[in-house]
C-alpha atoms as a PDB file:
ATOM      1  CA  MET A   1     102.472  97.258  98.748  1.00  0.00           C
ATOM      2  CA  ASN A   2      99.950  94.678 100.421  1.00  0.00           C
ATOM      3  CA  VAL A   3      97.210  95.851 103.105  1.00  0.00           C
ATOM      4  CA  ILE A   4      94.780  93.155 104.383  1.00  0.00           C
ATOM      5  CA  LEU A   5      92.480  94.850 107.131  1.00  0.00           C
ATOM      6  CA  SER A   6      91.266  92.540 109.660  1.00  0.00           C
ATOM      7  CA  VAL A   7      87.629  92.130 110.008  1.00  0.00           C
ATOM      8  CA  ASP A   8      87.044  94.818 112.342  1.00  0.00           C
ATOM      9  CA  GLU A   9      88.371  96.766 110.393  1.00  0.00           C
ATOM     10  CA  ALA A  10      86.715  96.958 107.709  1.00  0.00           C
ATOM     11  CA  HIS A  11      83.202  96.761 110.211  1.00  0.00           C
ATOM     12  CA  ALA A  12      84.967 100.036 111.091  1.00  0.00           C
ATOM     13  CA  ILE A  13      84.721 100.986 107.150  1.00  0.00           C
ATOM     14  CA  LEU A  14      81.316 100.249 106.702  1.00  0.00           C
ATOM     15  CA  THR A  15      79.571 101.267 109.355  1.00  0.00           C
ATOM     16  CA  LEU A  16      81.473 104.655 109.018  1.00  0.00           C
ATOM     17  CA  VAL A  17      80.744 104.899 105.253  1.00  0.00           C
ATOM     18  CA  SER A  18      77.245 104.136 106.370  1.00  0.00           C
ATOM     19  CA  ALA A  19      76.618 106.375 108.144  1.00  0.00           C
ATOM     20  CA  GLN A  20      77.959 108.981 105.969  1.00  0.00           C
ATOM     21  CA  VAL A  21      75.798 108.371 102.993  1.00  0.00           C
ATOM     22  CA  LEU A  22      72.882 108.029 105.918  1.00  0.00           C
ATOM     23  CA  ASP A  23      73.850 111.381 107.243  1.00  0.00           C
ATOM     24  CA  ASN A  24      74.294 113.480 104.095  1.00  0.00           C
ATOM     25  CA  VAL A  25      73.024 112.183 101.074  1.00  0.00           C
ATOM     26  CA  GLU A  26      69.276 112.487  99.928  1.00  0.00           C
ATOM     27  CA  LEU A  27      67.504 109.587 100.217  1.00  0.00           C
ATOM     28  CA  SER A  28      64.074 108.279  99.669  1.00  0.00           C
ATOM     29  CA  GLU A  29      62.901 106.286 103.390  1.00  0.00           C
ATOM     30  CA  GLU A  30      63.664 103.080 101.452  1.00  0.00           C
ATOM     31  CA  ALA A  31      66.661 103.800 100.339  1.00  0.00           C
ATOM     32  CA  ARG A  32      67.809 104.374 104.012  1.00  0.00           C
ATOM     33  CA  GLU A  33      66.104 100.986 105.368  1.00  0.00           C
ATOM     34  CA  ALA A  34      68.070  99.054 102.655  1.00  0.00           C
ATOM     35  CA  ILE A  35      71.166 100.711 103.357  1.00  0.00           C
ATOM     36  CA  ARG A  36      70.305  99.930 106.954  1.00  0.00           C
ATOM     37  CA  ASN A  37      69.840  96.463 106.675  1.00  0.00           C
ATOM     38  CA  TRP A  38      72.310  95.847 104.724  1.00  0.00           C
ATOM     39  CA  ARG A  39      74.722  97.060 107.404  1.00  0.00           C
ATOM     40  CA  ARG A  40      72.715  94.736 109.784  1.00  0.00           C
ATOM     41  CA  ASP A  41      72.977  91.574 107.823  1.00  0.00           C
ATOM     42  CA  ARG A  42      77.105  92.753 108.149  1.00  0.00           C
ATOM     43  CA  ALA A  43      77.319  92.302 112.299  1.00  0.00           C
ATOM     44  CA  LEU A  44      80.288  91.486 113.772  1.00  0.00           C
ATOM     45  CA  GLY A  45      80.619  88.024 113.751  1.00  0.00           C
ATOM     46  CA  SER A  46      78.386  87.395 110.528  1.00  0.00           C
ATOM     47  CA  LYS A  47      79.690  85.468 107.818  1.00  0.00           C
ATOM     48  CA  GLU A  48      78.179  88.221 105.795  1.00  0.00           C
ATOM     49  CA  LEU A  49      81.040  90.636 107.249  1.00  0.00           C
ATOM     50  CA  ASP A  50      83.717  87.606 106.795  1.00  0.00           C
ATOM     51  CA  ASP A  51      82.566  87.454 103.344  1.00  0.00           C
ATOM     52  CA  TYR A  52      82.501  91.891 103.247  1.00  0.00           C
ATOM     53  CA  ALA A  53      85.862  91.801 104.559  1.00  0.00           C
ATOM     54  CA  ASP A  54      87.289  89.803 101.808  1.00  0.00           C
ATOM     55  CA  VAL A  55      85.930  91.384  99.533  1.00  0.00           C
ATOM     56  CA  LEU A  56      87.119  94.842 100.235  1.00  0.00           C
ATOM     57  CA  ASN A  57      90.662  93.721 100.314  1.00  0.00           C
ATOM     58  CA  GLU A  58      90.530  92.508  97.126  1.00  0.00           C
ATOM     59  CA  ALA A  59      88.685  95.199  96.002  1.00  0.00           C
ATOM     60  CA  LEU A  60      91.702  97.300  97.878  1.00  0.00           C
ATOM     61  CA  GLY A  61      94.723  95.352  96.776  1.00  0.00           C
ATOM     62  CA  ASN A  62      93.883  95.535  93.372  1.00  0.00           C
ATOM     63  CA  GLU A  63      93.127  99.539  93.672  1.00  0.00           C
ATOM     64  CA  ILE A  64      96.539  99.467  94.688  1.00  0.00           C
ATOM     65  CA  ASP A  65      98.473  97.436  92.314  1.00  0.00           C
ATOM     66  CA  GLU A  66      96.255  99.649  89.327  1.00  0.00           C
ATOM     67  CA  ARG A  67      97.768 102.998  91.010  1.00  0.00           C
ATOM     68  CA  THR A  68     101.291 101.510  91.955  1.00  0.00           C
ATOM     69  CA  THR A  69     104.125 101.947  89.314  1.00  0.00           C
ATOM     70  CA  ARG A  70     107.130 100.487  89.213  1.00  0.00           C
ATOM     71  CA  PHE A  71     109.619 101.783  86.921  1.00  0.00           C
ATOM     72  CA  ILE A  72     112.731 100.095  84.683  1.00  0.00           C
ATOM     73  CA  ARG A  73     115.146 101.440  83.082  1.00  0.00           C
ATOM     74  CA  LYS A  74     115.309 100.428  79.368  1.00  0.00           C
ATOM     75  CA  ARG A  75     117.331 102.117  76.760  1.00  0.00           C
ATOM     76  CA  GLY A  76     119.598 104.198  79.163  1.00  0.00           C
ATOM     77  CA  SER A  77     117.750 107.071  80.642  1.00  0.00           C
ATOM     78  CA  GLN A  78     114.383 106.476  79.211  1.00  0.00           C
ATOM     79  CA  ARG A  79     111.837 104.797  81.758  1.00  0.00           C
ATOM     80  CA  VAL A  80     109.075 102.914  81.128  1.00  0.00           C
ATOM     81  CA  SER A  81     106.889 101.584  83.513  1.00  0.00           C
ATOM     82  CA  ALA A  82     106.280  97.323  83.999  1.00  0.00           C
ATOM     83  CA  ALA A  83     103.244  97.229  83.059  1.00  0.00           C
ATOM     84  CA  GLU A  84     103.821  98.857  79.407  1.00  0.00           C
ATOM     85  CA  GLU A  85     106.998  96.563  78.893  1.00  0.00           C
ATOM     86  CA  ARG A  86     104.584  93.341  80.076  1.00  0.00           C
ATOM     87  CA  VAL A  87     102.601  95.124  76.886  1.00  0.00           C
ATOM     88  CA  ARG A  88     106.000  95.130  74.409  1.00  0.00           C
END
């Protein structure tokens, strides 16, 4: 499976998650300000947001790859994941 988020989608996730943290987590005012500054630095149209979208897409792709198990048949009905097969 291949999922690639656009910069706008990455920004929506960034905004939603940071808002949830700010609204629902007990943080010092210093920590809140650091999150706000981090989010502000990744505004729409910024290079930082483009970089963030790249990192987010890579992390998302890696997570999907790690969780996706492809099965192959080996020796009749025994099933072995493709990752296990590469190790053998």
